[in-house]
Amino acid sequence: MFTTGPGLGNPVAVVLDGSGLETEQMQRFARWTNLSETAFVLPPVHPDADYLVRIFTPGRELPFAGHPTLGTCHAWLGAGGRQASPDRVIQECEAGLIEVRREHGNLAFAEPPLVRSGPLDDDDLVRIAEGLRIRRSDIVDAAWADNGPGWAAVLLPSADAVLALRPGVMPFDVGVAGLYPPGSPAAIEVRAVYPENGSTVEDPVTGSLNASLARWLVDTGRLSAPYTASQGTVLGRAGRVEVTQDASGRLWIGGRTVTTIEGSVEL
């Protein structure tokens, strides 16, 4: 997902029929795939939804995540899913109803509302700086930017400063961004790091974080949509997230999706 070609984005496993699976079975399968997320498609509960999805990392269930949203929609449509509306798909998840549409040949989801925003306290900023192995003074700005997974957003002086990070133990889910010089192919470099199972994990490309970062950076006047975000560079990926804004001011988070593996698995 959010890829420039096979093997360069962020993979997601999509189980197209999760009916009959217990939560523990879903979590066990997500641990087995060992991908950043694994999604399970279920019949919708909400009358306006086309399907319901549950999203798991190897260690926990998430109320919402961006690249599984696009990956699930891609797989569901590819398997013959028929949406009620001709111009959009409505995904139901714990975070609510998420709208997905085609945009310039790619899938894009509408930003979900933030469940937590506002400044971080200084103790949190000190802990983040320690986890990122930087000085507190290196942080240009920071805010809660949580649309479900729990992100805190941090702005560094430049994209190069983001690429130079060598994170240690993180206190919680942190998204880091730095701006590229004007005229660069991408507007920002993004990294997403979080603690899981006693270690620090870095996500290759993160739709939920890019959605909340976009809202923060656009609202504070640091960026204007449309723009392209780069992510996954230090992991050898070439993730590209396209951020656009419609006439109502709503932000859309999109990118290229491809199928690389199809088949069946015995649980």
C-alpha atoms as a PDB file:
ATOM      1  CA  MET A   1       0.000   0.000   0.000  1.00  0.00           C
ATOM      2  CA  PHE A   2       1.116   3.597  -0.660  1.00  0.00           C
ATOM      3  CA  THR A   3       3.715   2.093  -2.955  1.00  0.00           C
ATOM      4  CA  THR A   4       5.683   3.072  -6.033  1.00  0.00           C
ATOM      5  CA  GLY A   5       5.862  -0.615  -7.006  1.00  0.00           C
ATOM      6  CA  PRO A   6       5.648  -4.165  -5.587  1.00  0.00           C
ATOM      7  CA  GLY A   7       7.768  -4.594  -2.474  1.00  0.00           C
ATOM      8  CA  LEU A   8       8.281  -0.863  -1.891  1.00  0.00           C
ATOM      9  CA  GLY A   9       5.283   0.139   0.220  1.00  0.00           C
ATOM     10  CA  ASN A  10       3.703  -1.314   3.347  1.00  0.00           C
ATOM     11  CA  PRO A  11       2.153  -4.780   3.012  1.00  0.00           C
ATOM     12  CA  VAL A  12      -1.117  -5.756   4.652  1.00  0.00           C
ATOM     13  CA  ALA A  13      -2.794  -9.169   4.867  1.00  0.00           C
ATOM     14  CA  VAL A  14      -6.533  -9.102   4.189  1.00  0.00           C
ATOM     15  CA  VAL A  15      -8.734 -12.032   5.222  1.00  0.00           C
ATOM     16  CA  LEU A  16     -11.810 -11.545   3.052  1.00  0.00           C
ATOM     17  CA  ASP A  17     -14.125 -13.667   5.201  1.00  0.00           C
ATOM     18  CA  GLY A  18     -13.470 -13.299   8.899  1.00  0.00           C
ATOM     19  CA  SER A  19     -16.898 -14.615   9.900  1.00  0.00           C
ATOM     20  CA  GLY A  20     -16.721 -17.240  12.611  1.00  0.00           C
ATOM     21  CA  LEU A  21     -13.249 -16.254  13.821  1.00  0.00           C
ATOM     22  CA  GLU A  22     -12.844 -15.358  17.460  1.00  0.00           C
ATOM     23  CA  THR A  23     -10.762 -12.357  18.501  1.00  0.00           C
ATOM     24  CA  GLU A  24      -7.974 -14.616  19.776  1.00  0.00           C
ATOM     25  CA  GLN A  25      -7.818 -16.399  16.412  1.00  0.00           C
ATOM     26  CA  MET A  26      -7.555 -13.097  14.572  1.00  0.00           C
ATOM     27  CA  GLN A  27      -4.798 -11.920  16.900  1.00  0.00           C
ATOM     28  CA  ARG A  28      -2.941 -15.215  16.548  1.00  0.00           C
ATOM     29  CA  PHE A  29      -3.099 -14.995  12.746  1.00  0.00           C
ATOM     30  CA  ALA A  30      -1.832 -11.397  12.871  1.00  0.00           C
ATOM     31  CA  ARG A  31       1.109 -12.544  15.006  1.00  0.00           C
ATOM     32  CA  TRP A  32       1.794 -15.286  12.460  1.00  0.00           C
ATOM     33  CA  THR A  33       1.787 -12.969   9.441  1.00  0.00           C
ATOM     34  CA  ASN A  34       4.089 -10.641  11.414  1.00  0.00           C
ATOM     35  CA  LEU A  35       3.033  -7.733   9.193  1.00  0.00           C
ATOM     36  CA  SER A  36       2.417  -4.282  10.568  1.00  0.00           C
ATOM     37  CA  GLU A  37      -1.327  -4.970  10.194  1.00  0.00           C
ATOM     38  CA  THR A  38      -3.686  -7.761   9.256  1.00  0.00           C
ATOM     39  CA  ALA A  39      -7.328  -6.994   8.411  1.00  0.00           C
ATOM     40  CA  PHE A  40     -10.422  -9.193   8.684  1.00  0.00           C
ATOM     41  CA  VAL A  41     -13.519  -8.418   6.617  1.00  0.00           C
ATOM     42  CA  LEU A  42     -16.902  -9.057   8.239  1.00  0.00           C
ATOM     43  CA  PRO A  43     -20.527  -8.278   7.371  1.00  0.00           C
ATOM     44  CA  PRO A  44     -21.400  -4.684   8.267  1.00  0.00           C
ATOM     45  CA  VAL A  45     -23.438  -3.759  11.321  1.00  0.00           C
ATOM     46  CA  HIS A  46     -24.184  -0.154  10.344  1.00  0.00           C
ATOM     47  CA  PRO A  47     -26.843   0.073   7.601  1.00  0.00           C
ATOM     48  CA  ASP A  48     -24.758   2.560   5.577  1.00  0.00           C
ATOM     49  CA  ALA A  49     -21.580   0.451   5.543  1.00  0.00           C
ATOM     50  CA  ASP A  50     -20.478  -1.858   2.724  1.00  0.00           C
ATOM     51  CA  TYR A  51     -18.392  -4.034   5.035  1.00  0.00           C
ATOM     52  CA  LEU A  52     -16.882  -4.065   8.518  1.00  0.00           C
ATOM     53  CA  VAL A  53     -13.161  -4.518   9.121  1.00  0.00           C
ATOM     54  CA  ARG A  54     -11.180  -5.403  12.234  1.00  0.00           C
ATOM     55  CA  ILE A  55      -7.495  -4.463  12.153  1.00  0.00           C
ATOM     56  CA  PHE A  56      -4.720  -6.126  14.159  1.00  0.00           C
ATOM     57  CA  THR A  57      -0.997  -5.564  14.580  1.00  0.00           C
ATOM     58  CA  PRO A  58       1.021  -8.567  15.822  1.00  0.00           C
ATOM     59  CA  GLY A  59       0.332  -7.370  19.363  1.00  0.00           C
ATOM     60  CA  ARG A  60      -2.974  -5.506  19.511  1.00  0.00           C
ATOM     61  CA  GLU A  61      -6.199  -4.517  17.779  1.00  0.00           C
ATOM     62  CA  LEU A  62      -6.495  -0.991  16.343  1.00  0.00           C
ATOM     63  CA  PRO A  63      -9.703   1.035  16.048  1.00  0.00           C
ATOM     64  CA  PHE A  64      -8.475   2.473  12.737  1.00  0.00           C
ATOM     65  CA  ALA A  65      -5.430   2.328  10.478  1.00  0.00           C
ATOM     66  CA  GLY A  66      -4.902   3.896   7.082  1.00  0.00           C
ATOM     67  CA  HIS A  67      -3.011   1.443   4.922  1.00  0.00           C
ATOM     68  CA  PRO A  68      -5.247  -1.497   5.983  1.00  0.00           C
ATOM     69  CA  THR A  69      -8.237   0.692   5.059  1.00  0.00           C
ATOM     70  CA  LEU A  70      -7.001   1.114   1.495  1.00  0.00           C
ATOM     71  CA  GLY A  71      -5.692  -2.452   1.314  1.00  0.00           C
ATOM     72  CA  THR A  72      -8.959  -3.927   2.518  1.00  0.00           C
ATOM     73  CA  CYS A  73     -10.957  -1.835   0.065  1.00  0.00           C
ATOM     74  CA  HIS A  74      -8.593  -2.849  -2.771  1.00  0.00           C
ATOM     75  CA  ALA A  75      -8.921  -6.547  -1.899  1.00  0.00           C
ATOM     76  CA  TRP A  76     -12.691  -6.370  -1.331  1.00  0.00           C
ATOM     77  CA  LEU A  77     -13.299  -4.693  -4.673  1.00  0.00           C
ATOM     78  CA  GLY A  78     -10.930  -7.121  -6.389  1.00  0.00           C
ATOM     79  CA  ALA A  79     -12.890 -10.053  -4.975  1.00  0.00           C
ATOM     80  CA  GLY A  80     -16.126  -8.725  -6.470  1.00  0.00           C
ATOM     81  CA  GLY A  81     -17.398  -6.555  -3.637  1.00  0.00           C
ATOM     82  CA  ARG A  82     -20.232  -4.275  -4.677  1.00  0.00           C
ATOM     83  CA  GLN A  83     -20.627  -0.954  -2.926  1.00  0.00           C
ATOM     84  CA  ALA A  84     -24.050   0.572  -2.375  1.00  0.00           C
ATOM     85  CA  SER A  85     -22.930   3.924  -3.785  1.00  0.00           C
ATOM     86  CA  PRO A  86     -21.347   4.092  -7.256  1.00  0.00           C
ATOM     87  CA  ASP A  87     -18.726   6.684  -6.293  1.00  0.00           C
ATOM     88  CA  ARG A  88     -17.572   5.572  -2.843  1.00  0.00           C
ATOM     89  CA  VAL A  89     -17.087   2.648  -0.481  1.00  0.00           C
ATOM     90  CA  ILE A  90     -18.097   2.946   3.160  1.00  0.00           C
ATOM     91  CA  GLN A  91     -15.928   0.985   5.572  1.00  0.00           C
ATOM     92  CA  GLU A  92     -17.112   0.335   9.099  1.00  0.00           C
ATOM     93  CA  CYS A  93     -14.514  -0.047  11.841  1.00  0.00           C
ATOM     94  CA  GLU A  94     -14.248   0.657  15.554  1.00  0.00           C
ATOM     95  CA  ALA A  95     -13.486   4.312  14.774  1.00  0.00           C
ATOM     96  CA  GLY A  96     -16.752   4.670  12.846  1.00  0.00           C
ATOM     97  CA  LEU A  97     -17.568   4.940   9.148  1.00  0.00           C
ATOM     98  CA  ILE A  98     -14.662   5.703   6.803  1.00  0.00           C
ATOM     99  CA  GLU A  99     -15.330   6.884   3.264  1.00  0.00           C
ATOM    100  CA  VAL A 100     -13.054   5.586   0.475  1.00  0.00           C
ATOM    101  CA  ARG A 101     -13.101   6.800  -3.137  1.00  0.00           C
ATOM    102  CA  ARG A 102     -11.113   6.649  -6.345  1.00  0.00           C
ATOM    103  CA  GLU A 103      -8.862   9.654  -6.827  1.00  0.00           C
ATOM    104  CA  HIS A 104      -6.603   9.989  -9.903  1.00  0.00           C
ATOM    105  CA  GLY A 105      -6.614   6.217 -10.339  1.00  0.00           C
ATOM    106  CA  ASN A 106      -5.734   5.488  -6.700  1.00  0.00           C
ATOM    107  CA  LEU A 107      -7.818   4.788  -3.626  1.00  0.00           C
ATOM    108  CA  ALA A 108      -8.046   7.496  -0.977  1.00  0.00           C
ATOM    109  CA  PHE A 109      -9.785   7.660   2.394  1.00  0.00           C
ATOM    110  CA  ALA A 110     -11.355  10.676   4.036  1.00  0.00           C
ATOM    111  CA  GLU A 111      -9.565  11.751   7.186  1.00  0.00           C
ATOM    112  CA  PRO A 112     -11.314  10.446  10.300  1.00  0.00           C
ATOM    113  CA  PRO A 113     -11.910  12.945  13.107  1.00  0.00           C
ATOM    114  CA  LEU A 114      -9.249  13.376  15.753  1.00  0.00           C
ATOM    115  CA  VAL A 115     -10.104  11.851  19.114  1.00  0.00           C
ATOM    116  CA  ARG A 116      -7.268  13.707  20.815  1.00  0.00           C
ATOM    117  CA  SER A 117      -5.521  16.919  19.842  1.00  0.00           C
ATOM    118  CA  GLY A 118      -3.753  19.834  21.481  1.00  0.00           C
ATOM    119  CA  PRO A 119      -0.273  20.312  22.972  1.00  0.00           C
ATOM    120  CA  LEU A 120       1.789  17.673  24.720  1.00  0.00           C
ATOM    121  CA  ASP A 121       3.058  18.461  28.188  1.00  0.00           C
ATOM    122  CA  ASP A 122       6.770  18.981  28.667  1.00  0.00           C
ATOM    123  CA  ASP A 123       7.302  15.674  30.459  1.00  0.00           C
ATOM    124  CA  ASP A 124       5.985  13.863  27.374  1.00  0.00           C
ATOM    125  CA  LEU A 125       8.239  15.930  25.115  1.00  0.00           C
ATOM    126  CA  VAL A 126      11.271  15.045  27.225  1.00  0.00           C
ATOM    127  CA  ARG A 127      10.373  11.347  27.024  1.00  0.00           C
ATOM    128  CA  ILE A 128       9.882  11.583  23.251  1.00  0.00           C
ATOM    129  CA  ALA A 129      13.225  13.330  22.809  1.00  0.00           C
ATOM    130  CA  GLU A 130      14.929  10.638  24.894  1.00  0.00           C
ATOM    131  CA  GLY A 131      13.261   7.914  22.828  1.00  0.00           C
ATOM    132  CA  LEU A 132      14.295   9.582  19.555  1.00  0.00           C
ATOM    133  CA  ARG A 133      17.810  10.187  20.956  1.00  0.00           C
ATOM    134  CA  ILE A 134      17.697  13.895  20.246  1.00  0.00           C
ATOM    135  CA  ARG A 135      17.745  17.059  22.332  1.00  0.00           C
ATOM    136  CA  ARG A 136      14.457  18.506  23.556  1.00  0.00           C
ATOM    137  CA  SER A 137      15.432  21.709  21.750  1.00  0.00           C
ATOM    138  CA  ASP A 138      15.525  19.820  18.417  1.00  0.00           C
ATOM    139  CA  ILE A 139      11.726  19.539  18.502  1.00  0.00           C
ATOM    140  CA  VAL A 140      10.270  22.477  16.554  1.00  0.00           C
ATOM    141  CA  ASP A 141       6.671  21.733  17.518  1.00  0.00           C
ATOM    142  CA  ALA A 142       4.537  18.867  18.769  1.00  0.00           C
ATOM    143  CA  ALA A 143       0.885  18.008  19.328  1.00  0.00           C
ATOM    144  CA  TRP A 144      -1.424  15.104  19.923  1.00  0.00           C
ATOM    145  CA  ALA A 145      -2.654  13.945  16.511  1.00  0.00           C
ATOM    146  CA  ASP A 146      -4.646  10.875  17.463  1.00  0.00           C
ATOM    147  CA  ASN A 147      -7.318   9.610  15.074  1.00  0.00           C
ATOM    148  CA  GLY A 148      -7.495   6.180  16.673  1.00  0.00           C
ATOM    149  CA  PRO A 149      -4.089   4.511  17.026  1.00  0.00           C
ATOM    150  CA  GLY A 150      -2.804   7.092  19.546  1.00  0.00           C
ATOM    151  CA  TRP A 151      -0.330   9.228  17.604  1.00  0.00           C
ATOM    152  CA  ALA A 152       1.656  12.096  19.032  1.00  0.00           C
ATOM    153  CA  ALA A 153       3.110  14.238  16.230  1.00  0.00           C
ATOM    154  CA  VAL A 154       6.552  15.803  16.329  1.00  0.00           C
ATOM    155  CA  LEU A 155       8.031  18.288  13.862  1.00  0.00           C
ATOM    156  CA  LEU A 156      11.817  18.415  13.399  1.00  0.00           C
ATOM    157  CA  PRO A 157      13.782  21.168  11.603  1.00  0.00           C
ATOM    158  CA  SER A 158      14.099  19.301   8.287  1.00  0.00           C
ATOM    159  CA  ALA A 159      13.528  16.077   6.388  1.00  0.00           C
ATOM    160  CA  ASP A 160      17.245  15.320   6.782  1.00  0.00           C
ATOM    161  CA  ALA A 161      16.865  15.507  10.566  1.00  0.00           C
ATOM    162  CA  VAL A 162      14.037  12.957  10.346  1.00  0.00           C
ATOM    163  CA  LEU A 163      16.121  10.619   8.169  1.00  0.00           C
ATOM    164  CA  ALA A 164      19.042  10.851  10.610  1.00  0.00           C
ATOM    165  CA  LEU A 165      17.021   9.573  13.579  1.00  0.00           C
ATOM    166  CA  ARG A 166      18.042   6.313  15.226  1.00  0.00           C
ATOM    167  CA  PRO A 167      15.192   5.770  17.713  1.00  0.00           C
ATOM    168  CA  GLY A 168      15.587   3.909  20.953  1.00  0.00           C
ATOM    169  CA  VAL A 169      12.817   2.930  23.359  1.00  0.00           C
ATOM    170  CA  MET A 170       9.676   4.951  22.633  1.00  0.00           C
ATOM    171  CA  PRO A 171       7.214   5.912  25.382  1.00  0.00           C
ATOM    172  CA  PHE A 172       4.169   5.652  23.082  1.00  0.00           C
ATOM    173  CA  ASP A 173       3.190   5.946  19.403  1.00  0.00           C
ATOM    174  CA  VAL A 174       5.089   8.856  17.859  1.00  0.00           C
ATOM    175  CA  GLY A 175       4.990  10.222  14.325  1.00  0.00           C
ATOM    176  CA  VAL A 176       7.878  12.421  13.229  1.00  0.00           C
ATOM    177  CA  ALA A 177       7.889  14.791  10.252  1.00  0.00           C
ATOM    178  CA  GLY A 178      10.311  17.206   8.644  1.00  0.00           C
ATOM    179  CA  LEU A 179       9.839  19.436   5.631  1.00  0.00           C
ATOM    180  CA  TYR A 180      11.854  19.099   2.432  1.00  0.00           C
ATOM    181  CA  PRO A 181      13.073  22.271   0.675  1.00  0.00           C
ATOM    182  CA  PRO A 182      10.506  23.881  -1.664  1.00  0.00           C
ATOM    183  CA  GLY A 183      10.459  22.275  -5.093  1.00  0.00           C
ATOM    184  CA  SER A 184      11.439  18.808  -3.846  1.00  0.00           C
ATOM    185  CA  PRO A 185       9.489  15.781  -5.155  1.00  0.00           C
ATOM    186  CA  ALA A 186       7.992  15.254  -1.678  1.00  0.00           C
ATOM    187  CA  ALA A 187       6.903  17.939   0.765  1.00  0.00           C
ATOM    188  CA  ILE A 188       7.741  16.026   3.956  1.00  0.00           C
ATOM    189  CA  GLU A 189       9.554  12.955   5.225  1.00  0.00           C
ATOM    190  CA  VAL A 190       7.584  10.948   7.796  1.00  0.00           C
ATOM    191  CA  ARG A 191       8.586   8.243  10.256  1.00  0.00           C
ATOM    192  CA  ALA A 192       6.287   6.309  12.608  1.00  0.00           C
ATOM    193  CA  VAL A 193       7.745   4.568  15.663  1.00  0.00           C
ATOM    194  CA  TYR A 194       5.964   2.868  18.518  1.00  0.00           C
ATOM    195  CA  PRO A 195       6.535   0.359  21.334  1.00  0.00           C
ATOM    196  CA  GLU A 196       5.250  -3.180  20.909  1.00  0.00           C
ATOM    197  CA  ASN A 197       6.055  -6.395  22.770  1.00  0.00           C
ATOM    198  CA  GLY A 198       8.972  -4.794  24.601  1.00  0.00           C
ATOM    199  CA  SER A 199      10.720  -3.340  21.560  1.00  0.00           C
ATOM    200  CA  THR A 200      10.436  -0.360  19.223  1.00  0.00           C
ATOM    201  CA  VAL A 201       8.799  -0.916  15.845  1.00  0.00           C
ATOM    202  CA  GLU A 202       8.976   1.386  12.831  1.00  0.00           C
ATOM    203  CA  ASP A 203       6.066   1.284  10.407  1.00  0.00           C
ATOM    204  CA  PRO A 204       7.053   1.545   6.720  1.00  0.00           C
ATOM    205  CA  VAL A 205       4.124   3.724   5.571  1.00  0.00           C
ATOM    206  CA  THR A 206       1.323   4.919   7.831  1.00  0.00           C
ATOM    207  CA  GLY A 207      -2.003   6.206   6.522  1.00  0.00           C
ATOM    208  CA  SER A 208      -3.520   7.108   9.878  1.00  0.00           C
ATOM    209  CA  LEU A 209      -0.465   9.134  10.891  1.00  0.00           C
ATOM    210  CA  ASN A 210      -0.291  10.901   7.543  1.00  0.00           C
ATOM    211  CA  ALA A 211      -3.952  11.841   7.912  1.00  0.00           C
ATOM    212  CA  SER A 212      -3.511  13.379  11.352  1.00  0.00           C
ATOM    213  CA  LEU A 213      -0.173  14.977  10.421  1.00  0.00           C
ATOM    214  CA  ALA A 214      -1.827  16.540   7.384  1.00  0.00           C
ATOM    215  CA  ARG A 215      -4.597  18.043   9.479  1.00  0.00           C
ATOM    216  CA  TRP A 216      -2.076  19.468  11.966  1.00  0.00           C
ATOM    217  CA  LEU A 217       0.363  20.811   9.374  1.00  0.00           C
ATOM    218  CA  VAL A 218      -2.347  22.281   7.160  1.00  0.00           C
ATOM    219  CA  ASP A 219      -4.162  23.891  10.093  1.00  0.00           C
ATOM    220  CA  THR A 220      -0.911  25.440  11.373  1.00  0.00           C
ATOM    221  CA  GLY A 221      -0.065  26.791   7.910  1.00  0.00           C
ATOM    222  CA  ARG A 222       3.093  24.750   7.409  1.00  0.00           C
ATOM    223  CA  LEU A 223       1.723  22.880   4.381  1.00  0.00           C
ATOM    224  CA  SER A 224      -1.115  23.224   1.926  1.00  0.00           C
ATOM    225  CA  ALA A 225      -2.752  20.391   0.008  1.00  0.00           C
ATOM    226  CA  PRO A 226      -2.192  18.847  -2.426  1.00  0.00           C
ATOM    227  CA  TYR A 227       1.203  17.532  -1.402  1.00  0.00           C
ATOM    228  CA  THR A 228       3.169  14.270  -1.358  1.00  0.00           C
ATOM    229  CA  ALA A 229       4.620  12.685   1.780  1.00  0.00           C
ATOM    230  CA  SER A 230       7.576  10.305   1.662  1.00  0.00           C
ATOM    231  CA  GLN A 231       7.900   7.519   4.230  1.00  0.00           C
ATOM    232  CA  GLY A 232       9.869   4.312   4.672  1.00  0.00           C
ATOM    233  CA  THR A 233      13.106   5.617   3.166  1.00  0.00           C
ATOM    234  CA  VAL A 234      15.355   4.406   6.009  1.00  0.00           C
ATOM    235  CA  LEU A 235      13.727   0.960   5.773  1.00  0.00           C
ATOM    236  CA  GLY A 236      14.531   0.613   2.082  1.00  0.00           C
ATOM    237  CA  ARG A 237      10.950   1.374   1.038  1.00  0.00           C
ATOM    238  CA  ALA A 238       9.615   4.055  -1.283  1.00  0.00           C
ATOM    239  CA  GLY A 239       6.278   4.896   0.283  1.00  0.00           C
ATOM    240  CA  ARG A 240       4.391   7.818  -1.200  1.00  0.00           C
ATOM    241  CA  VAL A 241       1.217   9.256   0.326  1.00  0.00           C
ATOM    242  CA  GLU A 242      -0.839  11.732  -1.691  1.00  0.00           C
ATOM    243  CA  VAL A 243      -2.746  14.283   0.388  1.00  0.00           C
ATOM    244  CA  THR A 244      -5.520  16.296  -1.261  1.00  0.00           C
ATOM    245  CA  GLN A 245      -8.245  18.593   0.055  1.00  0.00           C
ATOM    246  CA  ASP A 246     -11.781  18.917  -1.244  1.00  0.00           C
ATOM    247  CA  ALA A 247     -13.957  22.021  -1.463  1.00  0.00           C
ATOM    248  CA  SER A 248     -15.327  21.452   2.032  1.00  0.00           C
ATOM    249  CA  GLY A 249     -11.829  21.441   3.522  1.00  0.00           C
ATOM    250  CA  ARG A 250     -11.788  17.706   4.199  1.00  0.00           C
ATOM    251  CA  LEU A 251      -8.451  15.990   3.613  1.00  0.00           C
ATOM    252  CA  TRP A 252      -8.081  12.780   1.603  1.00  0.00           C
ATOM    253  CA  ILE A 253      -5.203  10.351   2.061  1.00  0.00           C
ATOM    254  CA  GLY A 254      -4.401   8.227  -0.964  1.00  0.00           C
ATOM    255  CA  GLY A 255      -1.804   6.145  -2.723  1.00  0.00           C
ATOM    256  CA  ARG A 256      -1.165   3.271  -5.061  1.00  0.00           C
ATOM    257  CA  THR A 257      -2.362  -0.199  -4.043  1.00  0.00           C
ATOM    258  CA  VAL A 258      -1.249  -3.480  -5.655  1.00  0.00           C
ATOM    259  CA  THR A 259      -1.961  -7.175  -5.050  1.00  0.00           C
ATOM    260  CA  THR A 260       1.168  -9.312  -4.701  1.00  0.00           C
ATOM    261  CA  ILE A 261      -0.132 -12.556  -3.133  1.00  0.00           C
ATOM    262  CA  GLU A 262      -3.493 -14.319  -3.383  1.00  0.00           C
ATOM    263  CA  GLY A 263      -4.466 -17.653  -1.860  1.00  0.00           C
ATOM    264  CA  SER A 264      -5.947 -19.476   1.101  1.00  0.00           C
ATOM    265  CA  VAL A 265      -4.569 -20.211   4.537  1.00  0.00           C
ATOM    266  CA  GLU A 266      -5.573 -22.782   7.143  1.00  0.00           C
ATOM    267  CA  LEU A 267      -5.946 -21.235  10.603  1.00  0.00           C
END
